[in-house]
Protein backbone atom coordinates (compact mmCIF):
# COMPACT_ATOMS: atom_id res chain seq x y z
CA MET A 1 139.19 70.73 115.98
CA SER A 2 136.28 72.95 116.92
CA PHE A 3 135.20 74.39 120.24
CA PRO A 4 132.42 76.81 121.40
CA ILE A 5 133.25 80.40 122.42
CA PRO A 6 131.03 83.01 124.04
CA HIS A 7 129.23 84.94 121.32
CA PRO A 8 128.22 88.63 121.31
CA PRO A 9 124.72 89.08 122.70
CA GLN A 10 123.87 90.75 119.41
CA MET A 11 124.13 87.42 117.76
CA SER A 12 121.35 85.90 119.88
CA ASN A 13 118.45 84.76 117.64
CA LYS A 14 115.93 83.76 120.27
CA GLY A 15 112.47 84.90 119.09
CA ASN A 16 113.62 85.42 115.54
CA TYR A 17 112.37 83.55 112.47
CA VAL A 18 114.48 81.64 109.95
CA VAL A 19 113.05 82.38 106.53
CA SER A 20 114.08 82.56 102.85
CA LEU A 21 114.60 86.17 101.98
CA SER A 22 113.80 85.43 98.36
CA GLN A 23 110.39 84.03 99.37
CA PHE A 24 109.80 86.78 101.87
CA THR A 25 110.40 89.58 99.36
CA ARG A 26 108.11 87.86 96.78
CA TRP A 27 105.34 87.77 99.39
CA LEU A 28 105.93 91.44 100.20
CA ALA A 29 105.77 92.28 96.49
CA GLY A 30 102.37 90.65 96.27
CA VAL A 31 101.08 92.58 99.25
CA ALA A 32 102.35 95.86 97.79
CA GLU A 33 100.74 95.17 94.38
CA ASN A 34 97.49 93.62 95.46
CA ASP A 35 96.70 95.57 98.69
CA TYR A 36 98.30 98.99 97.99
CA GLY A 37 98.35 99.38 94.19
CA VAL A 38 102.14 99.63 93.93
CA GLU A 39 103.43 99.16 90.38
CA ILE A 40 106.49 96.81 90.15
CA TYR A 41 108.46 96.42 86.90
CA PRO A 42 110.78 93.42 87.42
CA GLY A 43 111.76 93.13 83.74
CA PHE A 44 113.18 96.67 83.51
CA ALA A 45 116.56 97.63 84.79
CA GLY A 46 117.42 101.19 85.84
CA SER A 47 120.74 101.95 84.17
CA GLN A 48 121.18 105.73 84.70
CA LEU A 49 120.03 108.49 86.93
CA LEU A 50 117.83 110.96 85.05
CA LEU A 51 119.35 114.38 85.73
CA SER A 52 117.77 117.78 85.31
CA GLU A 53 118.78 119.76 82.17
CA GLU A 54 120.00 122.69 84.25
CA ALA A 55 121.86 122.88 87.52
CA ASN A 56 118.74 123.61 89.59
CA SER A 57 119.69 122.56 93.07
CA LEU A 58 122.37 122.49 95.81
CA ASP A 59 124.07 119.30 96.91
CA PRO A 60 124.49 118.59 100.65
CA TRP A 61 127.71 120.67 100.58
CA GLY A 62 126.22 123.77 99.01
CA ASN A 63 127.41 123.31 95.47
CA LYS A 64 125.16 124.03 92.47
CA VAL A 65 124.34 120.75 90.78
CA HIS A 66 121.87 118.93 88.49
CA SER A 67 119.19 117.16 90.50
CA VAL A 68 117.90 113.64 90.10
CA GLN A 69 114.49 113.54 88.49
CA GLY A 70 114.07 109.71 88.11
CA VAL A 71 115.87 106.88 86.40
CA VAL A 72 116.39 105.77 82.80
CA THR A 73 116.14 102.07 81.85
CA ASN A 74 118.71 100.57 79.57
CA GLU A 75 118.16 100.12 75.85
CA VAL A 76 117.13 96.62 74.84
CA GLY A 77 117.57 94.91 71.50
CA LEU A 78 121.27 95.82 70.93
CA THR A 79 123.84 93.27 69.82
CA LYS A 80 127.10 92.68 71.63
CA ASP A 81 128.77 95.15 69.28
CA PHE A 82 126.10 97.80 69.83
CA HIS A 83 124.18 97.38 66.53
CA MET A 84 120.41 97.54 66.67
CA LYS A 85 118.34 94.40 66.31
CA SER A 86 114.87 94.38 64.79
CA SER A 87 113.63 94.18 68.42
CA PHE A 88 115.40 97.38 69.50
CA GLU A 89 113.66 99.58 72.02
CA PRO A 90 115.17 102.74 73.47
CA GLY A 91 115.44 103.18 77.20
CA MET A 92 112.54 104.72 79.04
CA ALA A 93 112.68 107.66 81.47
CA PHE A 94 110.71 107.15 84.68
CA ARG A 95 110.34 110.61 86.07
CA ALA A 96 109.73 111.13 89.81
CA LYS A 97 109.71 113.91 92.33
CA VAL A 98 111.59 111.59 94.75
CA THR A 99 113.92 108.73 93.72
CA LEU A 100 114.87 106.27 96.51
CA LEU A 101 117.74 103.91 95.71
CA ALA A 102 117.47 100.47 97.31
CA GLU A 103 119.72 98.32 95.21
CA GLY A 104 121.62 96.43 97.93
CA ALA A 105 125.35 96.71 98.51
CA HIS A 106 127.39 98.52 95.87
CA GLY A 107 124.46 99.20 93.56
CA SER A 108 125.18 100.75 90.19
CA LEU A 109 122.83 103.73 90.50
CA SER A 110 123.92 104.25 94.12
CA LYS A 111 127.54 104.49 92.91
CA GLN A 112 126.51 107.20 90.45
CA ALA A 113 124.74 109.22 93.13
CA ILE A 114 127.59 108.83 95.69
CA SER A 115 130.11 109.93 93.06
CA LEU A 116 128.08 112.80 91.53
CA TYR A 117 127.20 114.35 94.85
CA LYS A 118 130.29 113.34 96.86
CA LEU A 119 128.14 111.64 99.50
CA ARG A 120 131.19 110.01 101.15
CA LYS A 121 132.89 113.36 101.78
CA GLU A 122 132.44 113.01 105.53
CA SER A 123 132.46 109.29 105.92
CA GLU A 124 135.04 106.54 105.65
CA PRO A 125 135.27 104.26 102.65
CA GLN A 126 132.90 101.30 102.62
CA THR A 127 134.38 97.83 103.25
CA TYR A 128 132.75 94.69 102.01
CA GLY A 129 132.57 90.96 102.50
CA ILE A 130 131.55 88.31 99.97
CA GLY A 131 128.92 85.89 101.19
CA LEU A 132 128.49 82.50 99.51
CA LYS A 133 125.47 80.37 100.38
CA GLU A 134 124.04 76.98 99.70
CA VAL A 135 120.71 75.48 100.63
CA TRP A 136 120.49 71.74 101.29
CA ARG A 137 117.75 69.29 102.10
CA VAL A 138 118.98 67.08 104.91
CA GLU A 139 117.76 63.85 106.34
CA PRO A 140 114.83 64.31 108.83
CA GLU A 141 116.73 63.02 111.85
CA LYS A 142 119.47 65.65 111.25
CA HIS A 143 117.10 68.57 110.95
CA ASN A 144 116.40 70.74 113.85
CA PRO A 145 114.03 73.61 112.88
CA GLY A 146 115.21 76.98 114.19
CA GLU A 147 118.74 75.90 115.13
CA VAL A 148 121.36 78.55 114.40
CA VAL A 149 125.13 77.98 114.41
CA HIS A 150 127.85 80.57 113.68
CA THR A 151 131.52 79.84 113.14
CA MET A 152 134.83 81.67 112.94
CA GLY A 153 138.30 80.56 111.90
CA TRP A 154 138.71 77.51 109.72
CA PRO A 155 139.00 77.27 106.73
CA LEU A 156 140.33 80.84 106.71
CA GLY A 157 143.75 81.84 108.07
CA SER A 158 144.41 84.01 111.11
CA GLN A 159 144.89 87.12 108.93
CA THR A 160 141.67 86.77 106.95
CA TYR A 161 138.38 88.04 108.42
CA GLY A 162 135.35 85.86 107.96
CA GLY A 163 133.01 83.33 109.42
CA GLY A 164 130.32 80.79 108.59
CA TRP A 165 126.71 80.02 109.43
CA ILE A 166 124.21 77.18 109.55
CA TYR A 167 120.46 77.99 109.73
CA HIS A 168 117.93 75.20 109.97
CA MET A 169 114.91 76.40 107.92
CA ASP A 170 111.46 74.98 107.58
CA GLY A 171 110.69 71.85 105.49
CA GLY A 172 113.88 69.97 106.12
CA LEU A 173 116.03 72.69 104.59
CA VAL A 174 119.39 73.98 105.90
CA SER A 175 121.06 77.21 104.75
CA LEU A 176 124.85 77.21 105.11
CA GLY A 177 127.44 79.63 103.99
CA LEU A 178 130.67 81.52 104.44
CA VAL A 179 131.45 85.30 104.60
CA ILE A 180 134.96 86.42 103.73
CA GLY A 181 136.09 90.01 104.18
CA LEU A 182 137.18 91.42 100.85
CA ASP A 183 140.15 93.11 102.43
CA TYR A 184 141.99 89.81 102.29
CA LYS A 185 145.58 90.03 101.19
CA ASN A 186 146.39 86.89 99.30
CA PRO A 187 145.42 87.14 95.61
CA TYR A 188 145.50 83.33 95.36
CA LEU A 189 142.52 83.02 97.70
CA SER A 190 139.34 81.71 96.05
CA PRO A 191 136.14 82.37 97.99
CA TYR A 192 134.33 79.56 96.21
CA ARG A 193 137.03 76.99 97.00
CA GLU A 194 137.08 78.18 100.62
CA LEU A 195 133.34 77.42 100.85
CA GLN A 196 133.82 73.94 99.34
CA ARG A 197 136.73 73.24 101.77
CA PHE A 198 134.49 74.55 104.60
CA LYS A 199 132.04 71.65 103.97
CA HIS A 200 134.86 69.10 104.34
CA HIS A 201 134.80 69.66 108.13
CA PRO A 202 133.44 66.56 109.97
CA TYR A 203 130.47 68.59 111.26
CA PHE A 204 129.27 69.26 107.68
CA ARG A 205 130.13 65.76 106.45
CA ALA A 206 127.80 64.37 109.05
CA LEU A 207 125.04 66.97 108.54
CA LEU A 208 125.05 66.80 104.72
CA SER A 209 125.63 63.13 104.10
CA ASN A 210 122.77 61.69 102.05
CA GLY A 211 121.43 65.19 101.61
CA GLU A 212 120.64 67.09 98.44
CA ARG A 213 121.97 70.53 97.48
CA LEU A 214 119.20 72.65 96.06
CA SER A 215 120.61 76.11 95.60
CA TYR A 216 123.80 78.21 95.46
CA GLY A 217 124.31 81.97 95.47
CA ALA A 218 126.77 84.77 96.28
CA ARG A 219 126.61 88.53 96.98
CA VAL A 220 128.80 91.20 98.44
CA LEU A 221 127.55 92.73 101.68
CA ASN A 222 128.51 95.93 103.54
CA GLU A 223 130.76 95.59 106.58
CA GLY A 224 131.79 99.17 107.14
CA GLY A 225 129.08 99.94 109.72
CA LEU A 226 128.34 103.44 111.03
CA GLN A 227 131.70 104.92 110.05
CA SER A 228 131.06 104.11 106.36
CA VAL A 229 127.44 105.38 106.17
CA PRO A 230 127.49 108.24 103.59
CA LYS A 231 125.34 111.32 103.48
CA LEU A 232 121.92 109.80 102.82
CA ASN A 233 120.16 112.50 100.84
CA PHE A 234 120.92 114.11 97.49
CA PRO A 235 118.95 116.54 95.36
CA GLY A 236 115.80 114.68 94.31
CA GLY A 237 116.32 111.47 96.29
CA ALA A 238 118.07 109.38 98.95
CA LEU A 239 119.93 106.14 99.68
CA ILE A 240 118.11 103.48 101.75
CA GLY A 241 118.89 99.97 102.94
CA CYS A 242 122.13 98.43 101.91
CA SER A 243 122.63 101.07 99.21
CA ALA A 244 123.60 103.14 102.27
CA GLY A 245 125.19 100.35 104.28
CA PHE A 246 123.16 99.53 107.40
CA VAL A 247 124.35 96.01 108.05
CA ASN A 248 125.02 95.25 111.68
CA VAL A 249 128.14 93.05 111.40
CA ALA A 250 127.78 91.63 114.97
CA LYS A 251 124.23 90.44 114.17
CA ILE A 252 125.18 89.48 110.59
CA LYS A 253 121.89 91.09 109.67
CA GLY A 254 120.78 94.28 107.89
CA THR A 255 117.21 93.60 106.87
CA HIS A 256 115.72 95.11 110.01
CA ASN A 257 117.69 98.39 109.51
CA ALA A 258 117.01 98.40 105.75
CA MET A 259 113.23 98.16 106.37
CA LYS A 260 113.28 100.94 108.99
CA SER A 261 115.30 103.24 106.73
CA GLY A 262 112.64 102.68 104.02
CA MET A 263 109.89 103.65 106.41
CA LEU A 264 111.75 106.85 107.46
CA ALA A 265 112.50 107.75 103.84
CA ALA A 266 108.84 107.15 102.85
CA GLU A 267 107.68 109.62 105.54
CA ALA A 268 110.19 112.19 104.33
CA ALA A 269 109.17 111.60 100.75
CA TRP A 270 105.51 112.13 101.56
CA VAL A 271 106.27 115.53 103.05
CA ALA A 272 108.43 116.41 100.03
CA VAL A 273 105.85 115.62 97.39
CA HIS A 274 102.61 116.42 99.05
CA PRO A 275 100.63 118.32 97.86
CA ALA A 276 102.92 119.18 94.92
CA ALA A 277 101.76 118.03 91.47
CA GLU A 278 103.63 115.09 89.95
CA SER A 279 104.83 117.20 87.02
CA GLU A 280 106.37 119.81 89.17
CA PHE A 281 110.19 119.39 88.88
CA GLU A 282 111.32 123.04 89.02
CA THR A 283 112.55 122.52 92.57
CA ALA A 284 114.28 119.29 93.53
CA ALA A 285 112.93 117.45 96.52
CA ASN A 286 115.07 117.82 99.65
CA LEU A 287 115.14 114.72 101.87
CA GLU A 288 117.58 116.06 104.46
CA SER A 289 114.88 115.37 107.04
CA TYR A 290 115.25 111.65 106.27
CA ASP A 291 119.01 111.80 106.99
CA THR A 292 118.27 113.54 110.32
CA ALA A 293 115.48 111.08 111.20
CA LEU A 294 117.63 108.05 110.46
CA HIS A 295 120.41 109.27 112.73
CA ASN A 296 117.85 109.99 115.46
CA SER A 297 116.37 106.50 115.16
CA TRP A 298 117.26 103.12 116.67
CA VAL A 299 119.07 102.27 113.45
CA HIS A 300 121.86 104.65 114.43
CA SER A 301 121.92 103.19 117.95
CA ASP A 302 121.99 99.68 116.59
CA LEU A 303 125.10 100.48 114.48
CA HIS A 304 126.79 102.79 117.01
CA GLU A 305 126.95 100.01 119.64
CA VAL A 306 128.96 97.73 117.38
CA ARG A 307 130.89 100.30 115.32
CA ASN A 308 134.31 99.20 116.62
CA LEU A 309 133.91 95.42 116.18
CA ARG A 310 134.74 95.01 112.50
CA PRO A 311 137.77 97.37 112.44
CA SER A 312 139.18 95.72 115.57
CA PHE A 313 140.18 92.78 113.27
CA ASN A 314 142.42 95.05 111.17
CA THR A 315 145.41 94.90 113.43
CA GLY A 316 148.60 92.85 113.42
CA LEU A 317 146.89 90.45 115.88
CA GLY A 318 144.54 89.40 113.17
CA ILE A 319 141.41 87.37 113.99
CA TRP A 320 142.57 86.61 117.57
CA GLY A 321 142.99 90.29 118.41
CA GLY A 322 139.60 91.06 116.90
CA ILE A 323 137.91 88.27 118.87
CA ALA A 324 139.42 89.50 122.09
CA TYR A 325 138.46 93.16 121.62
CA SER A 326 135.00 92.32 120.24
CA GLY A 327 134.28 90.07 123.14
CA ILE A 328 135.11 92.79 125.66
CA ASP A 329 133.26 95.48 123.73
CA SER A 330 130.11 93.50 122.95
CA LEU A 331 129.74 91.83 126.37
CA PHE A 332 130.78 94.67 128.67
CA LEU A 333 131.51 98.02 127.04
CA LYS A 334 128.60 97.80 124.50
CA GLY A 335 130.14 100.58 122.46
CA ARG A 336 130.14 103.05 125.33
CA VAL A 337 133.75 104.21 124.68
CA PRO A 338 135.07 107.63 123.53
CA TRP A 339 136.86 106.26 120.49
CA THR A 340 135.77 105.06 117.09
CA PHE A 341 138.18 102.93 115.11
CA LYS A 342 138.81 103.63 111.48
CA HIS A 343 138.82 101.08 108.66
CA GLY A 344 141.80 102.79 107.01
CA GLU A 345 142.02 105.17 104.12
CA VAL A 346 142.66 104.81 100.39
CA GLU A 347 146.08 106.42 100.04
CA ASN A 348 145.33 107.94 96.64
CA PRO A 349 141.66 107.85 95.59
CA SER A 350 142.56 108.83 92.06
CA SER A 351 145.00 105.90 91.65
CA THR A 352 144.22 102.39 90.57
CA HIS A 353 143.43 101.50 94.19
CA ALA A 354 140.23 103.51 94.60
CA SER A 355 138.63 100.76 96.75
CA LEU A 356 139.70 100.23 100.32
CA ASP A 357 139.38 96.46 99.98
CA ALA A 358 141.31 96.44 96.65
CA SER A 359 144.07 98.41 98.27
CA HIS A 360 144.60 95.68 100.90
CA THR A 361 145.39 93.12 98.19
CA GLU A 362 149.10 92.22 98.15
CA ARG A 363 151.06 91.26 95.03
CA ALA A 364 151.29 87.60 94.11
CA ALA A 365 155.06 87.59 94.62
CA ALA A 366 154.47 87.90 98.39
CA HIS A 367 152.34 84.76 98.58
CA GLN A 368 152.25 81.11 97.60
CA PRO A 369 149.34 79.59 95.64
CA ILE A 370 146.84 77.86 97.90
CA ASP A 371 146.67 74.09 97.58
CA TYR A 372 142.91 73.39 97.76
CA PRO A 373 141.69 69.86 98.32
CA PRO A 374 139.99 68.10 95.37
CA PHE A 375 136.22 68.24 95.14
CA GLU A 376 134.22 65.42 96.64
CA ALA A 377 130.90 65.30 94.90
CA PRO A 378 128.16 65.59 95.97
CA LEU A 379 129.57 67.23 99.15
CA SER A 380 131.69 69.71 97.20
CA THR A 381 131.61 70.29 93.44
CA ASP A 382 133.23 72.30 90.69
CA LEU A 383 132.19 75.91 90.17
CA MET A 384 130.09 75.51 87.01
CA THR A 385 127.94 72.83 88.66
CA SER A 386 127.17 75.31 91.39
CA VAL A 387 126.49 78.22 89.01
CA ALA A 388 123.86 76.02 87.22
CA LEU A 389 121.92 75.96 90.46
CA THR A 390 121.50 79.77 90.45
CA GLY A 391 119.43 79.66 87.35
CA THR A 392 121.32 82.67 86.03
CA ASN A 393 120.44 83.65 82.48
CA HIS A 394 121.28 86.54 80.20
CA ALA A 395 119.90 87.01 76.66
CA GLU A 396 122.30 85.95 73.91
CA ASN A 397 124.17 88.59 71.93
CA GLN A 398 123.63 91.56 74.16
CA PRO A 399 126.16 94.25 75.21
CA ILE A 400 128.55 93.08 77.93
CA HIS A 401 127.37 94.59 81.19
CA LEU A 402 130.76 94.27 82.88
CA ARG A 403 132.65 97.23 81.58
CA VAL A 404 136.46 97.45 81.68
CA VAL A 405 136.52 101.11 82.68
CA LYS A 406 136.81 103.07 85.86
CA THR A 407 133.54 104.11 87.41
CA THR A 408 134.32 107.82 87.24
CA LYS A 409 135.04 107.52 83.50
CA PHE A 410 131.81 105.55 82.94
CA ILE A 411 129.74 108.19 84.79
CA GLU A 412 131.36 110.97 82.81
CA GLU A 413 130.74 109.34 79.42
CA VAL A 414 127.35 107.70 79.93
CA VAL A 415 125.54 109.78 82.60
CA GLN A 416 126.96 113.30 82.46
CA LYS A 417 127.59 113.63 78.71
CA ARG A 418 124.57 111.54 77.90
CA GLN A 419 124.18 111.07 74.15
CA GLU A 420 127.33 113.07 73.44
CA GLY A 421 129.56 110.59 75.32
CA ASN A 422 130.98 107.18 74.43
CA LEU A 423 128.04 105.05 75.48
CA ALA A 424 129.99 101.82 74.71
CA VAL A 425 133.00 102.73 76.91
CA GLY A 426 134.50 99.59 78.37
CA ALA A 427 132.05 97.23 76.60
CA GLY A 428 134.68 95.66 74.32
CA LEU A 429 136.48 96.53 71.12
CA ASP A 430 133.67 95.73 68.71
CA ALA A 431 131.19 97.78 70.63
CA VAL A 432 133.55 100.79 70.79
CA LYS A 433 134.28 100.44 67.06
CA THR A 434 130.51 100.87 66.37
CA GLU A 435 130.40 103.92 68.62
CA ALA A 436 133.53 105.37 67.01
CA GLU A 437 132.04 105.03 63.58
CA ALA A 438 128.87 106.77 64.73
CA SER A 439 130.82 109.64 66.29
CA SER A 440 133.72 109.73 63.80
CA ASP A 441 136.08 109.57 66.77
CA LYS A 442 138.74 106.97 65.88
CA GLU A 443 140.72 107.62 69.12
CA LEU A 444 138.02 105.73 71.05
CA VAL A 445 139.21 102.35 69.66
CA GLU A 446 142.84 102.94 70.75
CA GLU A 447 141.64 104.11 74.19
CA GLU A 448 139.67 100.89 74.60
CA LEU A 449 142.63 98.76 73.53
CA GLU A 450 145.02 100.62 75.89
CA ALA A 451 142.57 100.24 78.84
CA ARG A 452 142.43 96.47 78.31
CA ARG A 453 146.20 96.17 77.92
CA LYS A 454 146.74 98.01 81.19
CA HIS A 455 144.16 95.87 82.97
CA VAL A 456 145.75 92.60 81.83
CA GLN A 457 149.33 93.85 82.47
CA VAL A 458 148.65 94.72 86.13
CA ASN A 459 146.16 91.97 87.00
CA VAL A 460 148.19 89.16 85.36
CA GLY A 461 151.66 90.52 85.85
CA GLU A 462 151.30 91.58 89.53
CA TYR A 463 148.25 89.77 90.88
CA ALA A 464 148.31 86.42 89.07
CA GLY A 465 144.88 87.01 87.51
CA LEU A 466 143.03 87.48 90.81
CA LEU A 467 139.56 87.75 89.28
CA GLY A 468 139.87 84.30 87.72
CA ARG A 469 139.82 82.89 91.28
CA ALA A 470 137.87 85.54 93.19
CA CYS A 471 134.72 85.59 91.01
CA PRO A 472 132.21 83.06 92.46
CA ALA A 473 130.63 82.48 89.04
CA GLY A 474 133.63 81.89 86.61
CA VAL A 475 132.99 85.12 84.74
CA TYR A 476 136.63 86.19 84.28
CA GLU A 477 139.40 84.30 82.49
CA TYR A 478 142.91 85.35 81.48
CA VAL A 479 143.67 83.10 78.54
CA ALA A 480 146.39 82.77 75.86
CA ASP A 481 146.32 85.59 73.38
CA GLU A 482 147.06 84.31 69.91
CA GLU A 483 146.72 87.80 68.42
CA LYS A 484 149.52 89.10 70.68
CA GLY A 485 147.51 92.13 71.82
CA ALA A 486 147.33 93.87 68.47
CA VAL A 487 143.55 93.77 68.23
CA SER A 488 142.62 91.97 71.49
CA GLY A 489 143.87 94.37 74.15
CA GLY A 490 146.13 91.64 75.48
CA TRP A 491 149.56 91.79 77.13
CA ASN A 492 152.47 89.42 77.22
CA GLY A 493 150.58 86.56 75.62
CA HIS A 494 147.50 86.93 77.86
CA LYS A 495 144.09 88.55 77.26
CA LEU A 496 140.95 89.02 79.26
CA VAL A 497 137.78 87.03 78.47
CA ILE A 498 134.51 87.97 80.21
CA ASN A 499 131.86 85.28 80.31
CA SER A 500 129.12 87.72 81.27
CA GLN A 501 126.41 85.12 80.76
CA ASN A 502 127.63 83.43 83.97
CA CYS A 503 127.30 86.58 86.12
CA ILE A 504 125.22 86.15 89.31
CA HIS A 505 125.32 89.87 90.06
CA CYS A 506 127.41 89.60 93.23
CA LYS A 507 129.51 92.79 92.53
CA LEU A 508 132.72 91.24 93.82
CA CYS A 509 134.68 92.23 90.69
CA ASP A 510 133.71 95.87 91.05
CA VAL A 511 135.00 95.94 94.61
CA LYS A 512 138.06 93.67 94.61
CA VAL A 513 139.82 94.11 91.21
CA PRO A 514 143.23 95.66 92.07
CA THR A 515 143.07 98.08 89.06
CA GLN A 516 139.62 99.27 89.98
CA ASP A 517 138.59 99.26 86.38
CA ILE A 518 135.68 96.85 86.32
CA THR A 519 132.32 98.74 86.43
CA TRP A 520 129.26 96.57 86.93
CA THR A 521 126.28 97.87 85.01
CA VAL A 522 122.81 96.44 84.59
CA PRO A 523 122.31 93.81 81.87
CA GLU A 524 119.40 93.76 79.48
CA GLY A 525 115.93 93.36 80.90
CA GLY A 526 115.50 90.89 83.76
CA GLY A 527 118.67 88.95 83.20
CA GLY A 528 120.53 87.45 86.15
CA PRO A 529 120.18 84.76 88.80
CA LYS A 530 116.77 83.31 89.60
CA TYR A 531 117.02 82.80 93.31
CA SER A 532 113.98 81.10 94.82
CA ILE A 533 114.89 79.67 98.22
CA THR A 534 118.13 81.42 99.21
């Protein structure tokens, strides 16, 4: 059963365009390169922040700190166990007076900056959703260019936040998808299986019959809104776009705010660097004027009006309570109330539950496995068939970019200690053995084994191997451990296998894993999904 309900006025799309963001950004890149001389390096991944040798600046809270002086690309030509290939090339340092981080939600460099400079000191934790999308070519008589449909409820339960969309694009294409709040409780939930079940609704059966699925993709997105926007500037740079978290949840859009934040940051950067010489790094650039300008702009107003909508779903009334409050607030109050709801707090940020969304996950013993319907190809298919549509590709025999290590530990070893730290931390036993031999520190191997054992013990023993279902690309598996943990880091007959070649860079694992010990880092070169029409 389905029925229409009044939608928030912010969801109105009259006068908007339905476009492929992949195609739009490629067009913008061409304009930047050809018309303005901007240099773009798509085959190089920024893996670390380049910090000053000395503590030469003050962070936003007045503490003496090392400033950001650019980024460092990752080394290429390493084997999975960190041995050099004949093609080895060291990482390159790109020095800059101002470094603007625009990586999208939960970016790896943004996490480093937020952690190093405590940019969330005065804001609430970020909360995320996972968006899964498909693009279909439908029969001409079913295609209505410009039509937009939003859904709530089915296939999700009353205690799980989320909703779907259908956008009729140009050329007979239809974009459809599902967003699920990552604060969901049931560890047996599979976002991918929910998307496939979503399409079993009679509406989709009729729309997609005799159609052709062309593309699949997934990505986490910010849902925290204004409450979760951190301090935007740090010594030598700033956060822009979804690195900061400017998505308007009511509109289900953030591109407009991301673009405006980039404009404001560019204006502040111009003032910071002009007319200083490019080689002048003695004093770190201060972009506090950007933080002020952003909060004085319509971006702040856009987010302030809808700040209470997303957290209104976090009550015992579930989705129905959220719909009721959001309807009243968006239609009548329009955010003009003296209160601001909180998303909640991480009880102990130093514990395994450092993520707000991960802390909402309940143990498997409190839930029953979900009985998903069988696939009905071509309407719904198995996961690997969908992953093939992403075009994801990673070079063979390269270091695993999904590290089994807490982010704070990774930053300490790789960013702050630099060459003196364990650069292979979390990258697997063989990689750490190579690093241990180079540093003559044999304890590194046992630390790696113990970290893996603890990960498997908690995630299998208490959460029924959540990542094996949650990952929308089939990266994580908890399989039988024939070596009984002695050299595999397994526990109770199970071990973790990471199929990093499948990764589509959605960042869900980093956000949702209950133990908060998966740190997503950049893979070698330009590896990853090759989205073209999503």
